[in-house]
Amino acid sequence: MSAPAEALPAQLAGSAAARAVAALPADTLVCDMYEPRGAEIYHDFTLGDTSEVRDILREVRASTGTVLELAAGSGRLTFPLLGLRRELLAVDLSEAMLALLRERLALLPAAAAARCTPVRGDITTYAAPEPVGAAVLGTTSVSLLGRAQRQAMLRRTWQNLAPGGIFVLTTAQISADAGDLAERALQVRGASGSSYQVHDLVAPDRAGRYTVVLGPDGGPGVPRTVCHSYIRVVPQGELTADLTAAGFTVEHTATLPGERYAAALIRARKEGAR
């Protein structure tokens, strides 16, 4: 059996994250954050992350009609959005993430749960049954798409919006200061009460960011789990250019500070038929 650190991306060699993983038992499970086991950990350690939530809700509150949440995952934004008492389409490609979302919805009062429709679908091609008043895409999701996929997603989102509808999206950013470029490690308590060691570090070429999450000790006979992900950081200028090319009018941008990294918020509008 290979050492756990050998299962991490080669670009992480020599990092504090790789050293922390190397110190774990040989039976440690290392997986991508979007695989089923990784999805469970991602859901648990991000559930309490309120970064950007208030800002997104403020933007969406000014719109009307159904909300289309793209890359909804296990519901980090879904449940705050349901607090607006609007119909919500929650679209995600991962069945593992949607299963977690459905489990959480089942715990809500029936009337609240009924306002949310989980949909397994590809956000680059998903066609809403009716035009929506607002669409939302949370931080990191846009970075998981290649540029051609991102442009397809933006065109499809434009088509899904009613005239005058808004698209609110956020994207992780990397600043040039030394603090942002340094590797950071945080202890994060998940919704279950479990403690996670989360490492964030910028790729050597500064084009993206790696995250490595060390899960808690699983107990006797249960291997520990480490999950990792890489997101390419999309320059804000590139994203606004793609939005304009897709037919949107970019109305507002803002920088949102966060505990782990800063993000840019963009509000764009579909002005009318094209």
C-alpha atoms as a PDB file:
ATOM      1  CA  MET A   1       0.000   0.000   0.000  1.00  0.00           C
ATOM      2  CA  SER A   2       1.420   3.410  -0.967  1.00  0.00           C
ATOM      3  CA  ALA A   3       1.886   6.183   1.579  1.00  0.00           C
ATOM      4  CA  PRO A   4      -1.148   8.495   1.782  1.00  0.00           C
ATOM      5  CA  ALA A   5       0.832  11.585   0.692  1.00  0.00           C
ATOM      6  CA  GLU A   6       1.715   9.859  -2.612  1.00  0.00           C
ATOM      7  CA  ALA A   7      -1.971   9.974  -3.563  1.00  0.00           C
ATOM      8  CA  LEU A   8      -2.029  13.785  -3.417  1.00  0.00           C
ATOM      9  CA  PRO A   9      -1.374  15.884  -6.553  1.00  0.00           C
ATOM     10  CA  ALA A  10       2.353  16.101  -7.294  1.00  0.00           C
ATOM     11  CA  GLN A  11       2.205  19.902  -7.033  1.00  0.00           C
ATOM     12  CA  LEU A  12       1.647  19.557  -3.272  1.00  0.00           C
ATOM     13  CA  ALA A  13       4.964  17.803  -2.645  1.00  0.00           C
ATOM     14  CA  GLY A  14       6.906  19.546   0.114  1.00  0.00           C
ATOM     15  CA  SER A  15       3.898  21.467   1.414  1.00  0.00           C
ATOM     16  CA  ALA A  16       2.745  21.451   5.021  1.00  0.00           C
ATOM     17  CA  ALA A  17      -0.412  19.693   3.801  1.00  0.00           C
ATOM     18  CA  ALA A  18       1.647  16.858   2.276  1.00  0.00           C
ATOM     19  CA  ARG A  19       3.726  16.538   5.456  1.00  0.00           C
ATOM     20  CA  ALA A  20       0.568  16.352   7.574  1.00  0.00           C
ATOM     21  CA  VAL A  21      -0.886  13.632   5.332  1.00  0.00           C
ATOM     22  CA  ALA A  22       2.434  11.719   5.290  1.00  0.00           C
ATOM     23  CA  ALA A  23       2.220  11.411   9.065  1.00  0.00           C
ATOM     24  CA  LEU A  24      -1.128   9.585   8.872  1.00  0.00           C
ATOM     25  CA  PRO A  25      -1.503   5.772   8.944  1.00  0.00           C
ATOM     26  CA  ALA A  26      -0.896   3.862   5.708  1.00  0.00           C
ATOM     27  CA  ASP A  27      -4.556   2.799   5.447  1.00  0.00           C
ATOM     28  CA  THR A  28      -5.730   6.446   5.209  1.00  0.00           C
ATOM     29  CA  LEU A  29      -8.193   6.931   2.340  1.00  0.00           C
ATOM     30  CA  VAL A  30      -7.254   9.802   0.019  1.00  0.00           C
ATOM     31  CA  CYS A  31      -9.954  10.920  -2.414  1.00  0.00           C
ATOM     32  CA  ASP A  32     -11.190  13.796  -4.494  1.00  0.00           C
ATOM     33  CA  MET A  33     -13.495  16.171  -2.643  1.00  0.00           C
ATOM     34  CA  TYR A  34     -16.293  15.517  -5.136  1.00  0.00           C
ATOM     35  CA  GLU A  35     -16.286  11.733  -4.807  1.00  0.00           C
ATOM     36  CA  PRO A  36     -19.019  10.272  -2.537  1.00  0.00           C
ATOM     37  CA  ARG A  37     -16.858  10.080   0.611  1.00  0.00           C
ATOM     38  CA  GLY A  38     -15.296  13.449  -0.128  1.00  0.00           C
ATOM     39  CA  ALA A  39     -18.767  14.910  -0.658  1.00  0.00           C
ATOM     40  CA  GLU A  40     -19.763  13.879   2.863  1.00  0.00           C
ATOM     41  CA  ILE A  41     -16.730  15.619   4.341  1.00  0.00           C
ATOM     42  CA  TYR A  42     -17.202  18.710   2.149  1.00  0.00           C
ATOM     43  CA  HIS A  43     -20.824  18.921   3.278  1.00  0.00           C
ATOM     44  CA  ASP A  44     -19.906  18.636   6.959  1.00  0.00           C
ATOM     45  CA  PHE A  45     -17.023  21.101   7.137  1.00  0.00           C
ATOM     46  CA  THR A  46     -18.599  23.776   4.902  1.00  0.00           C
ATOM     47  CA  LEU A  47     -22.094  23.725   6.376  1.00  0.00           C
ATOM     48  CA  GLY A  48     -21.293  26.439   8.882  1.00  0.00           C
ATOM     49  CA  ASP A  49     -19.431  28.615   6.373  1.00  0.00           C
ATOM     50  CA  THR A  50     -21.485  31.793   6.047  1.00  0.00           C
ATOM     51  CA  SER A  51     -18.998  33.548   3.753  1.00  0.00           C
ATOM     52  CA  GLU A  52     -20.835  35.470   1.015  1.00  0.00           C
ATOM     53  CA  VAL A  53     -24.288  34.244   2.129  1.00  0.00           C
ATOM     54  CA  ARG A  54     -25.531  37.582   3.428  1.00  0.00           C
ATOM     55  CA  ASP A  55     -24.260  39.405   0.327  1.00  0.00           C
ATOM     56  CA  ILE A  56     -25.882  36.933  -2.065  1.00  0.00           C
ATOM     57  CA  LEU A  57     -29.192  37.057  -0.203  1.00  0.00           C
ATOM     58  CA  ARG A  58     -29.211  40.854  -0.328  1.00  0.00           C
ATOM     59  CA  GLU A  59     -28.825  40.770  -4.111  1.00  0.00           C
ATOM     60  CA  VAL A  60     -31.424  38.042  -4.667  1.00  0.00           C
ATOM     61  CA  ARG A  61     -33.932  39.679  -2.308  1.00  0.00           C
ATOM     62  CA  ALA A  62     -34.218  42.603  -4.740  1.00  0.00           C
ATOM     63  CA  SER A  63     -35.483  40.274  -7.494  1.00  0.00           C
ATOM     64  CA  THR A  64     -38.776  38.442  -7.913  1.00  0.00           C
ATOM     65  CA  GLY A  65     -39.850  34.981  -9.051  1.00  0.00           C
ATOM     66  CA  THR A  66     -38.233  31.565  -8.921  1.00  0.00           C
ATOM     67  CA  VAL A  67     -34.549  31.301  -7.992  1.00  0.00           C
ATOM     68  CA  LEU A  68     -32.261  28.958  -9.928  1.00  0.00           C
ATOM     69  CA  GLU A  69     -29.344  27.793  -7.787  1.00  0.00           C
ATOM     70  CA  LEU A  70     -26.538  26.370  -9.888  1.00  0.00           C
ATOM     71  CA  ALA A  71     -24.143  23.798  -8.387  1.00  0.00           C
ATOM     72  CA  ALA A  72     -26.291  23.657  -5.254  1.00  0.00           C
ATOM     73  CA  GLY A  73     -24.290  20.848  -3.654  1.00  0.00           C
ATOM     74  CA  SER A  74     -25.576  19.775  -0.250  1.00  0.00           C
ATOM     75  CA  GLY A  75     -27.321  23.081   0.384  1.00  0.00           C
ATOM     76  CA  ARG A  76     -24.917  25.639   1.854  1.00  0.00           C
ATOM     77  CA  LEU A  77     -26.771  28.401  -0.023  1.00  0.00           C
ATOM     78  CA  THR A  78     -30.012  26.499  -0.612  1.00  0.00           C
ATOM     79  CA  PHE A  79     -31.339  26.781   2.915  1.00  0.00           C
ATOM     80  CA  PRO A  80     -30.641  30.512   3.336  1.00  0.00           C
ATOM     81  CA  LEU A  81     -32.285  31.065  -0.073  1.00  0.00           C
ATOM     82  CA  LEU A  82     -35.358  29.139   1.068  1.00  0.00           C
ATOM     83  CA  GLY A  83     -35.626  31.697   3.861  1.00  0.00           C
ATOM     84  CA  LEU A  84     -36.659  34.205   1.173  1.00  0.00           C
ATOM     85  CA  ARG A  85     -39.870  32.155   0.728  1.00  0.00           C
ATOM     86  CA  ARG A  86     -39.361  31.808  -3.017  1.00  0.00           C
ATOM     87  CA  GLU A  87     -39.589  28.761  -5.260  1.00  0.00           C
ATOM     88  CA  LEU A  88     -36.124  27.315  -5.760  1.00  0.00           C
ATOM     89  CA  LEU A  89     -34.593  25.013  -8.359  1.00  0.00           C
ATOM     90  CA  ALA A  90     -31.415  23.458  -6.901  1.00  0.00           C
ATOM     91  CA  VAL A  91     -29.323  21.967  -9.710  1.00  0.00           C
ATOM     92  CA  ASP A  92     -26.210  19.851  -9.250  1.00  0.00           C
ATOM     93  CA  LEU A  93     -24.456  17.152 -11.253  1.00  0.00           C
ATOM     94  CA  SER A  94     -23.384  15.116  -8.208  1.00  0.00           C
ATOM     95  CA  GLU A  95     -25.945  12.575  -7.027  1.00  0.00           C
ATOM     96  CA  ALA A  96     -23.960  12.207  -3.790  1.00  0.00           C
ATOM     97  CA  MET A  97     -24.377  15.919  -3.045  1.00  0.00           C
ATOM     98  CA  LEU A  98     -28.074  15.890  -3.994  1.00  0.00           C
ATOM     99  CA  ALA A  99     -28.683  12.895  -1.727  1.00  0.00           C
ATOM    100  CA  LEU A 100     -27.328  14.936   1.187  1.00  0.00           C
ATOM    101  CA  LEU A 101     -29.503  17.879   0.141  1.00  0.00           C
ATOM    102  CA  ARG A 102     -32.636  15.713   0.007  1.00  0.00           C
ATOM    103  CA  GLU A 103     -31.883  14.298   3.473  1.00  0.00           C
ATOM    104  CA  ARG A 104     -31.672  17.819   4.874  1.00  0.00           C
ATOM    105  CA  LEU A 105     -34.819  18.968   3.082  1.00  0.00           C
ATOM    106  CA  ALA A 106     -36.724  16.055   4.613  1.00  0.00           C
ATOM    107  CA  LEU A 107     -36.086  17.588   8.051  1.00  0.00           C
ATOM    108  CA  LEU A 108     -37.807  20.854   7.148  1.00  0.00           C
ATOM    109  CA  PRO A 109     -41.510  21.613   7.559  1.00  0.00           C
ATOM    110  CA  ALA A 110     -43.326  20.209   4.526  1.00  0.00           C
ATOM    111  CA  ALA A 111     -44.310  23.633   3.165  1.00  0.00           C
ATOM    112  CA  ALA A 112     -40.704  24.865   3.191  1.00  0.00           C
ATOM    113  CA  ALA A 113     -39.297  21.669   1.675  1.00  0.00           C
ATOM    114  CA  ALA A 114     -41.921  21.787  -1.091  1.00  0.00           C
ATOM    115  CA  ARG A 115     -40.543  25.122  -2.326  1.00  0.00           C
ATOM    116  CA  CYS A 116     -37.250  23.461  -3.288  1.00  0.00           C
ATOM    117  CA  THR A 117     -36.909  21.153  -6.278  1.00  0.00           C
ATOM    118  CA  PRO A 118     -33.551  19.316  -6.357  1.00  0.00           C
ATOM    119  CA  VAL A 119     -32.508  18.556  -9.939  1.00  0.00           C
ATOM    120  CA  ARG A 120     -29.649  16.380 -11.123  1.00  0.00           C
ATOM    121  CA  GLY A 121     -28.330  18.207 -14.132  1.00  0.00           C
ATOM    122  CA  ASP A 122     -25.368  19.754 -15.901  1.00  0.00           C
ATOM    123  CA  ILE A 123     -25.374  23.515 -15.308  1.00  0.00           C
ATOM    124  CA  THR A 124     -23.903  24.078 -18.788  1.00  0.00           C
ATOM    125  CA  THR A 125     -26.993  22.580 -20.449  1.00  0.00           C
ATOM    126  CA  TYR A 126     -29.832  22.601 -17.900  1.00  0.00           C
ATOM    127  CA  ALA A 127     -33.017  24.225 -19.210  1.00  0.00           C
ATOM    128  CA  ALA A 128     -35.427  25.475 -16.545  1.00  0.00           C
ATOM    129  CA  PRO A 129     -39.106  24.577 -17.140  1.00  0.00           C
ATOM    130  CA  GLU A 130     -40.033  28.278 -16.933  1.00  0.00           C
ATOM    131  CA  PRO A 131     -37.968  31.496 -16.984  1.00  0.00           C
ATOM    132  CA  VAL A 132     -36.604  32.365 -13.534  1.00  0.00           C
ATOM    133  CA  GLY A 133     -36.218  35.725 -11.820  1.00  0.00           C
ATOM    134  CA  ALA A 134     -32.732  35.133 -10.426  1.00  0.00           C
ATOM    135  CA  ALA A 135     -29.860  32.677 -10.764  1.00  0.00           C
ATOM    136  CA  VAL A 136     -27.099  32.084  -8.208  1.00  0.00           C
ATOM    137  CA  LEU A 137     -23.688  30.422  -8.437  1.00  0.00           C
ATOM    138  CA  GLY A 138     -21.571  30.265  -5.271  1.00  0.00           C
ATOM    139  CA  THR A 139     -17.820  30.586  -4.799  1.00  0.00           C
ATOM    140  CA  THR A 140     -15.472  27.966  -6.329  1.00  0.00           C
ATOM    141  CA  SER A 141     -18.148  26.465  -8.591  1.00  0.00           C
ATOM    142  CA  VAL A 142     -17.354  28.670 -11.576  1.00  0.00           C
ATOM    143  CA  SER A 143     -13.671  27.764 -11.160  1.00  0.00           C
ATOM    144  CA  LEU A 144     -14.385  24.069 -11.678  1.00  0.00           C
ATOM    145  CA  LEU A 145     -15.414  24.732 -15.280  1.00  0.00           C
ATOM    146  CA  GLY A 146     -13.048  25.132 -18.196  1.00  0.00           C
ATOM    147  CA  ARG A 147     -13.541  28.342 -20.137  1.00  0.00           C
ATOM    148  CA  ALA A 148     -15.620  26.722 -22.898  1.00  0.00           C
ATOM    149  CA  GLN A 149     -17.824  25.085 -20.254  1.00  0.00           C
ATOM    150  CA  ARG A 150     -18.102  28.363 -18.372  1.00  0.00           C
ATOM    151  CA  GLN A 151     -19.164  30.228 -21.481  1.00  0.00           C
ATOM    152  CA  ALA A 152     -21.768  27.540 -22.218  1.00  0.00           C
ATOM    153  CA  MET A 153     -23.063  27.833 -18.639  1.00  0.00           C
ATOM    154  CA  LEU A 154     -23.374  31.614 -18.944  1.00  0.00           C
ATOM    155  CA  ARG A 155     -25.257  31.390 -22.229  1.00  0.00           C
ATOM    156  CA  ARG A 156     -27.621  28.774 -20.781  1.00  0.00           C
ATOM    157  CA  THR A 157     -28.173  30.841 -17.640  1.00  0.00           C
ATOM    158  CA  TRP A 158     -29.014  33.881 -19.779  1.00  0.00           C
ATOM    159  CA  GLN A 159     -31.574  31.746 -21.607  1.00  0.00           C
ATOM    160  CA  ASN A 160     -33.062  30.500 -18.316  1.00  0.00           C
ATOM    161  CA  LEU A 161     -33.614  34.017 -16.951  1.00  0.00           C
ATOM    162  CA  ALA A 162     -36.709  36.100 -17.569  1.00  0.00           C
ATOM    163  CA  PRO A 163     -36.098  39.563 -19.092  1.00  0.00           C
ATOM    164  CA  GLY A 164     -34.815  41.774 -16.289  1.00  0.00           C
ATOM    165  CA  GLY A 165     -33.680  38.744 -14.268  1.00  0.00           C
ATOM    166  CA  ILE A 166     -30.373  38.837 -12.407  1.00  0.00           C
ATOM    167  CA  PHE A 167     -27.433  36.470 -12.123  1.00  0.00           C
ATOM    168  CA  VAL A 168     -25.443  36.673  -8.883  1.00  0.00           C
ATOM    169  CA  LEU A 169     -22.169  34.779  -8.784  1.00  0.00           C
ATOM    170  CA  THR A 170     -19.041  34.786  -6.705  1.00  0.00           C
ATOM    171  CA  THR A 171     -15.545  33.621  -7.528  1.00  0.00           C
ATOM    172  CA  ALA A 172     -12.434  33.023  -5.425  1.00  0.00           C
ATOM    173  CA  GLN A 173      -9.599  35.494  -5.867  1.00  0.00           C
ATOM    174  CA  ILE A 174      -5.868  35.510  -5.203  1.00  0.00           C
ATOM    175  CA  SER A 175      -4.262  38.814  -4.298  1.00  0.00           C
ATOM    176  CA  ALA A 176      -0.565  39.545  -4.737  1.00  0.00           C
ATOM    177  CA  ASP A 177       0.208  40.102  -1.064  1.00  0.00           C
ATOM    178  CA  ALA A 178       2.426  37.617   0.746  1.00  0.00           C
ATOM    179  CA  GLY A 179      -0.254  36.653   3.249  1.00  0.00           C
ATOM    180  CA  ASP A 180      -2.636  35.460   0.560  1.00  0.00           C
ATOM    181  CA  LEU A 181       0.091  33.484  -1.199  1.00  0.00           C
ATOM    182  CA  ALA A 182       1.181  31.641   1.953  1.00  0.00           C
ATOM    183  CA  GLU A 183      -0.142  28.198   2.824  1.00  0.00           C
ATOM    184  CA  ARG A 184      -2.780  28.390   5.533  1.00  0.00           C
ATOM    185  CA  ALA A 185      -4.035  25.715   7.897  1.00  0.00           C
ATOM    186  CA  LEU A 186      -7.222  26.043   9.932  1.00  0.00           C
ATOM    187  CA  GLN A 187      -9.051  23.820  12.360  1.00  0.00           C
ATOM    188  CA  VAL A 188     -12.700  23.791  11.289  1.00  0.00           C
ATOM    189  CA  ARG A 189     -15.528  22.235  13.292  1.00  0.00           C
ATOM    190  CA  GLY A 190     -18.117  20.593  11.079  1.00  0.00           C
ATOM    191  CA  ALA A 191     -21.871  20.509  11.540  1.00  0.00           C
ATOM    192  CA  SER A 192     -21.525  17.029  13.055  1.00  0.00           C
ATOM    193  CA  GLY A 193     -19.101  18.319  15.688  1.00  0.00           C
ATOM    194  CA  SER A 194     -16.123  16.642  13.997  1.00  0.00           C
ATOM    195  CA  SER A 195     -12.892  18.626  13.721  1.00  0.00           C
ATOM    196  CA  TYR A 196     -11.140  19.009  10.358  1.00  0.00           C
ATOM    197  CA  GLN A 197      -7.681  20.277   9.511  1.00  0.00           C
ATOM    198  CA  VAL A 198      -8.096  22.355   6.353  1.00  0.00           C
ATOM    199  CA  HIS A 199      -5.075  23.428   4.284  1.00  0.00           C
ATOM    200  CA  ASP A 200      -5.410  26.087   1.559  1.00  0.00           C
ATOM    201  CA  LEU A 201      -2.457  26.867  -0.676  1.00  0.00           C
ATOM    202  CA  VAL A 202      -1.896  28.678  -3.930  1.00  0.00           C
ATOM    203  CA  ALA A 203      -0.553  26.667  -6.873  1.00  0.00           C
ATOM    204  CA  PRO A 204       3.074  27.395  -7.834  1.00  0.00           C
ATOM    205  CA  ASP A 205       1.928  29.142 -11.035  1.00  0.00           C
ATOM    206  CA  ARG A 206      -0.648  31.183  -9.051  1.00  0.00           C
ATOM    207  CA  ALA A 207      -3.350  30.080 -11.481  1.00  0.00           C
ATOM    208  CA  GLY A 208      -5.373  28.251  -8.862  1.00  0.00           C
ATOM    209  CA  ARG A 209      -5.758  27.089  -5.296  1.00  0.00           C
ATOM    210  CA  TYR A 210      -5.486  23.658  -3.674  1.00  0.00           C
ATOM    211  CA  THR A 211      -7.460  22.587  -0.628  1.00  0.00           C
ATOM    212  CA  VAL A 212      -6.604  19.514   1.440  1.00  0.00           C
ATOM    213  CA  VAL A 213      -8.928  18.439   4.249  1.00  0.00           C
ATOM    214  CA  LEU A 214      -7.823  15.927   6.898  1.00  0.00           C
ATOM    215  CA  GLY A 215     -10.865  14.242   8.349  1.00  0.00           C
ATOM    216  CA  PRO A 216     -11.143  13.089  11.958  1.00  0.00           C
ATOM    217  CA  ASP A 217      -9.897   9.739  13.225  1.00  0.00           C
ATOM    218  CA  GLY A 218     -12.561   7.254  12.191  1.00  0.00           C
ATOM    219  CA  GLY A 219     -12.037   4.982  15.199  1.00  0.00           C
ATOM    220  CA  PRO A 220     -11.006   1.296  15.378  1.00  0.00           C
ATOM    221  CA  GLY A 221     -11.225  -0.433  12.007  1.00  0.00           C
ATOM    222  CA  VAL A 222     -12.357   2.733  10.189  1.00  0.00           C
ATOM    223  CA  PRO A 223      -9.689   4.374   7.994  1.00  0.00           C
ATOM    224  CA  ARG A 224      -9.185   8.098   8.232  1.00  0.00           C
ATOM    225  CA  THR A 225     -10.174  10.114   5.159  1.00  0.00           C
ATOM    226  CA  VAL A 226      -8.324  12.934   3.439  1.00  0.00           C
ATOM    227  CA  CYS A 227      -9.963  14.770   0.561  1.00  0.00           C
ATOM    228  CA  HIS A 228      -8.487  17.338  -1.795  1.00  0.00           C
ATOM    229  CA  SER A 229      -9.526  19.642  -4.613  1.00  0.00           C
ATOM    230  CA  TYR A 230      -8.065  22.146  -7.036  1.00  0.00           C
ATOM    231  CA  ILE A 231      -9.860  25.198  -8.346  1.00  0.00           C
ATOM    232  CA  ARG A 232      -8.540  27.406 -11.108  1.00  0.00           C
ATOM    233  CA  VAL A 233      -8.999  30.991 -10.012  1.00  0.00           C
ATOM    234  CA  VAL A 234     -10.842  32.886 -12.737  1.00  0.00           C
ATOM    235  CA  PRO A 235      -9.645  36.499 -13.106  1.00  0.00           C
ATOM    236  CA  GLN A 236     -12.542  38.858 -12.516  1.00  0.00           C
ATOM    237  CA  GLY A 237     -11.903  40.687 -15.790  1.00  0.00           C
ATOM    238  CA  GLU A 238     -12.088  37.421 -17.727  1.00  0.00           C
ATOM    239  CA  LEU A 239     -15.359  36.503 -16.048  1.00  0.00           C
ATOM    240  CA  THR A 240     -16.997  39.866 -16.673  1.00  0.00           C
ATOM    241  CA  ALA A 241     -15.917  39.697 -20.325  1.00  0.00           C
ATOM    242  CA  ASP A 242     -17.551  36.273 -20.650  1.00  0.00           C
ATOM    243  CA  LEU A 243     -20.730  37.565 -19.003  1.00  0.00           C
ATOM    244  CA  THR A 244     -20.900  40.450 -21.463  1.00  0.00           C
ATOM    245  CA  ALA A 245     -20.312  38.116 -24.397  1.00  0.00           C
ATOM    246  CA  ALA A 246     -23.195  35.927 -23.175  1.00  0.00           C
ATOM    247  CA  GLY A 247     -25.568  38.923 -23.292  1.00  0.00           C
ATOM    248  CA  PHE A 248     -25.465  40.116 -19.683  1.00  0.00           C
ATOM    249  CA  THR A 249     -25.028  43.659 -18.424  1.00  0.00           C
ATOM    250  CA  VAL A 250     -22.633  43.644 -15.472  1.00  0.00           C
ATOM    251  CA  GLU A 251     -24.182  46.023 -12.916  1.00  0.00           C
ATOM    252  CA  HIS A 252     -22.187  45.618  -9.724  1.00  0.00           C
ATOM    253  CA  THR A 253     -18.986  44.045  -8.406  1.00  0.00           C
ATOM    254  CA  ALA A 254     -17.622  43.850  -4.866  1.00  0.00           C
ATOM    255  CA  THR A 255     -14.790  42.161  -2.977  1.00  0.00           C
ATOM    256  CA  LEU A 256     -15.948  39.909  -0.133  1.00  0.00           C
ATOM    257  CA  PRO A 257     -13.402  39.104   2.589  1.00  0.00           C
ATOM    258  CA  GLY A 258     -13.480  35.578   3.969  1.00  0.00           C
ATOM    259  CA  GLU A 259     -11.855  33.539   6.707  1.00  0.00           C
ATOM    260  CA  ARG A 260     -10.066  31.325   4.193  1.00  0.00           C
ATOM    261  CA  TYR A 261      -9.824  33.517   1.073  1.00  0.00           C
ATOM    262  CA  ALA A 262     -11.384  36.563  -0.538  1.00  0.00           C
ATOM    263  CA  ALA A 263     -14.012  36.361  -3.247  1.00  0.00           C
ATOM    264  CA  ALA A 264     -15.423  38.681  -5.874  1.00  0.00           C
ATOM    265  CA  LEU A 265     -19.188  39.106  -6.135  1.00  0.00           C
ATOM    266  CA  ILE A 266     -20.730  40.017  -9.485  1.00  0.00           C
ATOM    267  CA  ARG A 267     -24.330  40.961 -10.241  1.00  0.00           C
ATOM    268  CA  ALA A 268     -25.316  40.840 -13.902  1.00  0.00           C
ATOM    269  CA  ARG A 269     -28.697  41.414 -15.539  1.00  0.00           C
ATOM    270  CA  LYS A 270     -30.515  40.120 -18.583  1.00  0.00           C
ATOM    271  CA  GLU A 271     -31.817  43.338 -20.083  1.00  0.00           C
ATOM    272  CA  GLY A 272     -34.310  41.843 -22.532  1.00  0.00           C
ATOM    273  CA  ALA A 273     -34.855  39.501 -25.457  1.00  0.00           C
ATOM    274  CA  ARG A 274     -31.873  38.898 -27.677  1.00  0.00           C
END
